[in-house]
């Protein structure tokens, strides 16, 4: 019997090497695989993002308390976004978690 992978976001079954028809992501794994773990962003890169953006949330535009800083990928890793300074922004933890695997910058 052929194995069918699951989308990592909506958990729908997807055909191998295709986008999920439910949420449009290209990020899935087989149910028996261990979850993939990303390495944390290097501290130097985190500091560069904060130095560029200050403590201003790239999603809502309000100030972010230093203890609430998330470094957010504008183009999510799930959609092929890379850990590059141009693709990173400061965000509130809540803004970042609500945004999920979608594109986002403040208007």
N, C-alpha and C. Protein backbone atom coordinates (compact mmCIF):
# COMPACT_ATOMS: atom_id res chain seq x y z
N UNK A 1 0.84 -1.18 0.00
CA UNK A 1 0.00 0.00 0.00
C UNK A 1 0.88 1.25 0.00
N UNK A 2 0.57 2.23 -0.83
CA UNK A 2 1.37 3.45 -0.94
C UNK A 2 1.19 4.32 0.30
N UNK A 3 2.27 4.96 0.70
CA UNK A 3 2.21 5.86 1.85
C UNK A 3 1.71 7.22 1.39
N UNK A 4 0.88 7.85 2.19
CA UNK A 4 0.35 9.18 1.88
C UNK A 4 0.83 10.15 2.95
N UNK A 5 1.54 11.21 2.55
CA UNK A 5 1.99 12.18 3.55
C UNK A 5 0.86 13.07 4.04
N UNK A 6 1.08 13.69 5.19
CA UNK A 6 0.13 14.64 5.78
C UNK A 6 0.70 16.05 5.69
N UNK A 7 -0.15 17.02 5.40
CA UNK A 7 0.24 18.42 5.43
C UNK A 7 0.59 18.78 6.87
N UNK A 8 1.65 19.53 7.09
CA UNK A 8 2.05 19.89 8.45
C UNK A 8 1.16 20.95 9.06
N UNK A 9 0.38 21.65 8.24
CA UNK A 9 -0.46 22.71 8.76
C UNK A 9 -1.88 22.22 9.03
N UNK A 10 -2.54 21.70 8.01
CA UNK A 10 -3.95 21.32 8.18
C UNK A 10 -4.13 19.81 8.39
N UNK A 11 -3.06 19.05 8.28
CA UNK A 11 -3.07 17.59 8.51
C UNK A 11 -3.85 16.80 7.47
N UNK A 12 -4.25 17.44 6.37
CA UNK A 12 -4.89 16.71 5.28
C UNK A 12 -3.86 15.82 4.60
N UNK A 13 -4.32 14.74 4.02
CA UNK A 13 -3.43 13.90 3.23
C UNK A 13 -3.15 14.61 1.92
N UNK A 14 -1.89 14.56 1.46
CA UNK A 14 -1.51 15.20 0.20
C UNK A 14 -0.76 14.21 -0.66
N UNK A 15 -0.77 14.43 -1.96
CA UNK A 15 0.00 13.60 -2.87
C UNK A 15 1.46 14.02 -2.74
N UNK A 16 2.39 13.06 -2.79
CA UNK A 16 3.81 13.42 -2.70
C UNK A 16 4.19 14.44 -3.78
N UNK A 17 5.05 15.39 -3.41
CA UNK A 17 5.58 16.42 -4.30
C UNK A 17 4.51 17.32 -4.91
N UNK A 18 3.46 17.59 -4.17
CA UNK A 18 2.42 18.52 -4.63
C UNK A 18 2.09 19.48 -3.50
N UNK A 19 1.37 20.53 -3.82
CA UNK A 19 0.90 21.46 -2.80
C UNK A 19 -0.38 20.90 -2.17
N UNK A 20 -0.57 21.21 -0.89
CA UNK A 20 -1.80 20.82 -0.21
C UNK A 20 -2.97 21.58 -0.83
N UNK A 21 -4.00 20.88 -1.23
CA UNK A 21 -5.15 21.53 -1.85
C UNK A 21 -5.99 22.29 -0.81
N UNK A 22 -5.85 21.95 0.45
CA UNK A 22 -6.63 22.60 1.50
C UNK A 22 -6.04 23.97 1.88
N UNK A 23 -4.73 24.02 2.13
CA UNK A 23 -4.14 25.28 2.59
C UNK A 23 -3.09 25.84 1.64
N UNK A 24 -2.71 25.11 0.59
CA UNK A 24 -1.80 25.63 -0.42
C UNK A 24 -0.33 25.55 -0.07
N UNK A 25 0.01 24.90 1.02
CA UNK A 25 1.41 24.80 1.41
C UNK A 25 2.10 23.60 0.78
N UNK A 26 3.40 23.73 0.68
CA UNK A 26 4.23 22.63 0.18
C UNK A 26 5.12 22.20 1.33
N UNK A 27 4.53 21.73 2.38
CA UNK A 27 5.28 21.33 3.56
C UNK A 27 4.53 20.18 4.22
N UNK A 28 5.03 19.00 4.05
CA UNK A 28 4.34 17.84 4.59
C UNK A 28 5.33 16.76 4.98
N UNK A 29 4.85 15.78 5.69
CA UNK A 29 5.68 14.63 6.06
C UNK A 29 4.78 13.42 6.20
N UNK A 30 5.41 12.28 6.17
CA UNK A 30 4.68 11.04 6.37
C UNK A 30 4.39 10.88 7.86
N UNK A 31 3.23 10.33 8.20
CA UNK A 31 2.84 10.24 9.62
C UNK A 31 3.85 9.52 10.50
N UNK A 32 4.62 8.58 9.96
CA UNK A 32 5.57 7.83 10.78
C UNK A 32 6.95 8.50 10.87
N UNK A 33 7.12 9.66 10.22
CA UNK A 33 8.39 10.37 10.27
C UNK A 33 8.47 11.24 11.52
N UNK A 34 9.67 11.42 12.00
CA UNK A 34 9.90 12.34 13.12
C UNK A 34 9.68 13.77 12.63
N UNK A 35 9.14 14.64 13.46
CA UNK A 35 8.98 16.03 13.05
C UNK A 35 10.34 16.66 12.74
N UNK A 36 10.36 17.51 11.70
CA UNK A 36 11.59 18.21 11.34
C UNK A 36 11.80 19.36 12.31
N UNK A 37 13.04 19.53 12.71
CA UNK A 37 13.37 20.63 13.62
C UNK A 37 14.31 21.59 12.91
N UNK A 38 13.98 22.86 12.97
CA UNK A 38 14.84 23.89 12.40
C UNK A 38 15.82 24.36 13.46
N UNK A 39 16.97 24.77 13.01
CA UNK A 39 17.94 25.37 13.91
C UNK A 39 17.48 26.77 14.27
N UNK A 40 17.76 27.21 15.49
CA UNK A 40 17.39 28.58 15.84
C UNK A 40 18.19 29.58 14.99
N UNK A 41 17.62 30.76 14.80
CA UNK A 41 18.34 31.80 14.07
C UNK A 41 19.60 32.17 14.84
N UNK A 42 20.69 32.41 14.13
CA UNK A 42 21.91 32.85 14.82
C UNK A 42 21.66 34.16 15.56
N UNK A 43 22.25 34.30 16.72
CA UNK A 43 22.07 35.49 17.55
C UNK A 43 22.47 36.76 16.79
N UNK A 44 23.51 36.68 15.99
CA UNK A 44 23.96 37.84 15.21
C UNK A 44 22.86 38.29 14.24
N UNK A 45 22.15 37.35 13.63
CA UNK A 45 21.07 37.68 12.70
C UNK A 45 19.88 38.27 13.45
N UNK A 46 19.53 37.68 14.59
CA UNK A 46 18.44 38.22 15.41
C UNK A 46 18.73 39.67 15.80
N UNK A 47 19.97 39.91 16.22
CA UNK A 47 20.35 41.27 16.63
C UNK A 47 20.30 42.24 15.44
N UNK A 48 20.68 41.76 14.26
CA UNK A 48 20.64 42.61 13.06
C UNK A 48 19.20 43.00 12.71
N UNK A 49 18.25 42.07 12.88
CA UNK A 49 16.84 42.35 12.61
C UNK A 49 16.32 43.39 13.61
N UNK A 50 16.66 43.21 14.87
CA UNK A 50 16.21 44.15 15.91
C UNK A 50 16.87 45.52 15.70
N UNK A 51 18.14 45.54 15.31
CA UNK A 51 18.82 46.82 15.06
C UNK A 51 18.16 47.55 13.89
N UNK A 52 17.76 46.82 12.86
CA UNK A 52 17.13 47.44 11.70
C UNK A 52 15.71 47.92 12.01
N UNK A 53 14.91 47.06 12.67
CA UNK A 53 13.49 47.36 12.90
C UNK A 53 13.22 48.08 14.22
N UNK A 54 14.20 48.11 15.10
CA UNK A 54 13.95 48.61 16.45
C UNK A 54 12.98 47.64 17.12
N UNK A 55 12.20 48.12 18.03
CA UNK A 55 11.21 47.26 18.69
C UNK A 55 9.82 47.59 18.15
N UNK A 56 9.71 47.64 16.82
CA UNK A 56 8.45 47.93 16.16
C UNK A 56 7.97 46.68 15.43
N UNK A 57 6.76 46.24 15.72
CA UNK A 57 6.21 45.03 15.12
C UNK A 57 5.98 45.25 13.62
N UNK A 58 6.54 44.36 12.80
CA UNK A 58 6.37 44.45 11.36
C UNK A 58 4.98 44.06 10.89
N UNK A 59 4.15 43.52 11.78
CA UNK A 59 2.80 43.08 11.41
C UNK A 59 1.73 44.09 11.80
N UNK A 60 1.85 44.67 13.00
CA UNK A 60 0.81 45.62 13.44
C UNK A 60 1.34 47.05 13.56
N UNK A 61 2.67 47.21 13.56
CA UNK A 61 3.26 48.54 13.63
C UNK A 61 3.45 49.11 15.02
N UNK A 62 2.94 48.44 16.06
CA UNK A 62 3.08 48.95 17.43
C UNK A 62 4.42 48.54 18.02
N UNK A 63 4.79 49.18 19.15
CA UNK A 63 6.03 48.84 19.83
C UNK A 63 5.93 47.45 20.46
N UNK A 64 7.06 46.76 20.50
CA UNK A 64 7.15 45.42 21.07
C UNK A 64 8.03 45.49 22.32
N UNK A 65 7.56 44.95 23.41
CA UNK A 65 8.38 44.88 24.63
C UNK A 65 9.54 43.92 24.36
N UNK A 66 10.74 44.23 24.87
CA UNK A 66 11.89 43.36 24.61
C UNK A 66 11.67 41.89 24.96
N UNK A 67 10.88 41.60 25.97
CA UNK A 67 10.62 40.21 26.35
C UNK A 67 9.58 39.52 25.48
N UNK A 68 8.96 40.24 24.56
CA UNK A 68 7.89 39.69 23.71
C UNK A 68 8.30 39.61 22.24
N UNK A 69 9.58 39.80 21.95
CA UNK A 69 10.05 39.84 20.57
C UNK A 69 10.09 38.44 19.95
N UNK A 70 9.44 38.34 18.80
CA UNK A 70 9.60 37.17 17.92
C UNK A 70 10.26 37.69 16.66
N UNK A 71 11.11 36.87 16.06
CA UNK A 71 11.65 37.19 14.74
C UNK A 71 10.82 36.38 13.76
N UNK A 72 10.09 37.09 12.91
CA UNK A 72 9.12 36.49 12.00
C UNK A 72 9.67 36.44 10.58
N UNK A 73 9.37 35.36 9.88
CA UNK A 73 9.69 35.25 8.45
C UNK A 73 8.55 35.89 7.66
N UNK A 74 8.86 36.90 6.85
CA UNK A 74 7.84 37.54 6.01
C UNK A 74 7.27 36.49 5.06
N UNK A 75 8.14 35.81 4.32
CA UNK A 75 7.73 34.65 3.52
C UNK A 75 8.02 33.44 4.40
N UNK A 76 6.99 32.74 4.87
CA UNK A 76 7.17 31.65 5.83
C UNK A 76 8.10 30.55 5.30
N UNK A 77 8.79 29.93 6.23
CA UNK A 77 9.66 28.80 5.89
C UNK A 77 8.85 27.72 5.20
N UNK A 78 7.60 27.52 5.63
CA UNK A 78 6.74 26.50 5.03
C UNK A 78 6.47 26.76 3.55
N UNK A 79 6.64 28.02 3.12
CA UNK A 79 6.43 28.37 1.72
C UNK A 79 7.75 28.62 1.00
N UNK A 80 8.85 28.22 1.62
CA UNK A 80 10.16 28.35 1.00
C UNK A 80 10.95 29.57 1.44
N UNK A 81 10.47 30.29 2.44
CA UNK A 81 11.19 31.47 2.94
C UNK A 81 12.50 31.09 3.59
N UNK A 82 13.48 31.95 3.44
CA UNK A 82 14.82 31.67 3.95
C UNK A 82 15.15 32.55 5.14
N UNK A 83 16.18 32.15 5.88
CA UNK A 83 16.65 32.90 7.04
C UNK A 83 17.59 34.01 6.58
N UNK A 84 17.06 34.95 5.80
CA UNK A 84 17.83 36.09 5.31
C UNK A 84 17.30 37.35 5.95
N UNK A 85 18.17 38.32 6.18
CA UNK A 85 17.77 39.57 6.82
C UNK A 85 16.59 40.21 6.11
N UNK A 86 16.58 40.15 4.77
CA UNK A 86 15.49 40.76 3.99
C UNK A 86 14.15 40.06 4.21
N UNK A 87 14.16 38.83 4.70
CA UNK A 87 12.94 38.05 4.88
C UNK A 87 12.52 37.98 6.35
N UNK A 88 13.18 38.73 7.22
CA UNK A 88 12.89 38.67 8.64
C UNK A 88 12.42 40.01 9.15
N UNK A 89 11.57 39.98 10.17
CA UNK A 89 11.05 41.20 10.78
C UNK A 89 10.76 40.94 12.25
N UNK A 90 10.78 42.00 13.04
CA UNK A 90 10.40 41.92 14.45
C UNK A 90 8.87 41.81 14.50
N UNK A 91 8.37 41.02 15.44
CA UNK A 91 6.92 40.89 15.63
C UNK A 91 6.61 40.59 17.09
N UNK A 92 5.40 40.99 17.52
CA UNK A 92 4.89 40.54 18.81
C UNK A 92 4.72 39.02 18.73
N UNK A 93 4.85 38.33 19.83
CA UNK A 93 4.62 36.89 19.81
C UNK A 93 3.20 36.58 19.33
N UNK A 94 2.22 37.33 19.82
CA UNK A 94 0.82 37.07 19.41
C UNK A 94 0.62 37.32 17.92
N UNK A 95 1.13 38.45 17.41
CA UNK A 95 0.99 38.74 15.98
C UNK A 95 1.60 37.63 15.14
N UNK A 96 2.78 37.19 15.53
CA UNK A 96 3.48 36.15 14.77
C UNK A 96 2.71 34.83 14.79
N UNK A 97 2.20 34.46 15.94
CA UNK A 97 1.50 33.17 16.05
C UNK A 97 0.14 33.22 15.36
N UNK A 98 -0.53 34.37 15.37
CA UNK A 98 -1.81 34.51 14.68
C UNK A 98 -1.60 34.48 13.17
N UNK A 99 -0.51 35.11 12.72
CA UNK A 99 -0.20 35.15 11.28
C UNK A 99 -0.03 33.75 10.72
N UNK A 100 0.61 32.87 11.48
CA UNK A 100 0.81 31.49 11.03
C UNK A 100 1.63 31.42 9.75
N UNK A 101 1.36 30.43 8.91
CA UNK A 101 2.17 30.24 7.70
C UNK A 101 1.68 31.06 6.51
N UNK A 102 1.54 32.37 6.71
CA UNK A 102 1.07 33.25 5.64
C UNK A 102 2.05 34.42 5.48
N UNK A 103 2.00 35.07 4.33
CA UNK A 103 2.84 36.24 4.11
C UNK A 103 2.36 37.37 4.98
N UNK A 104 3.29 38.24 5.41
CA UNK A 104 2.82 39.38 6.17
C UNK A 104 3.85 40.42 6.44
N UNK A 105 3.44 41.66 6.24
CA UNK A 105 4.17 42.88 6.63
C UNK A 105 3.12 43.91 6.99
N UNK A 106 3.52 44.87 7.81
CA UNK A 106 2.59 45.96 8.14
C UNK A 106 2.27 46.75 6.90
N UNK A 107 1.05 47.26 6.81
CA UNK A 107 0.64 48.06 5.63
C UNK A 107 1.26 49.43 5.66
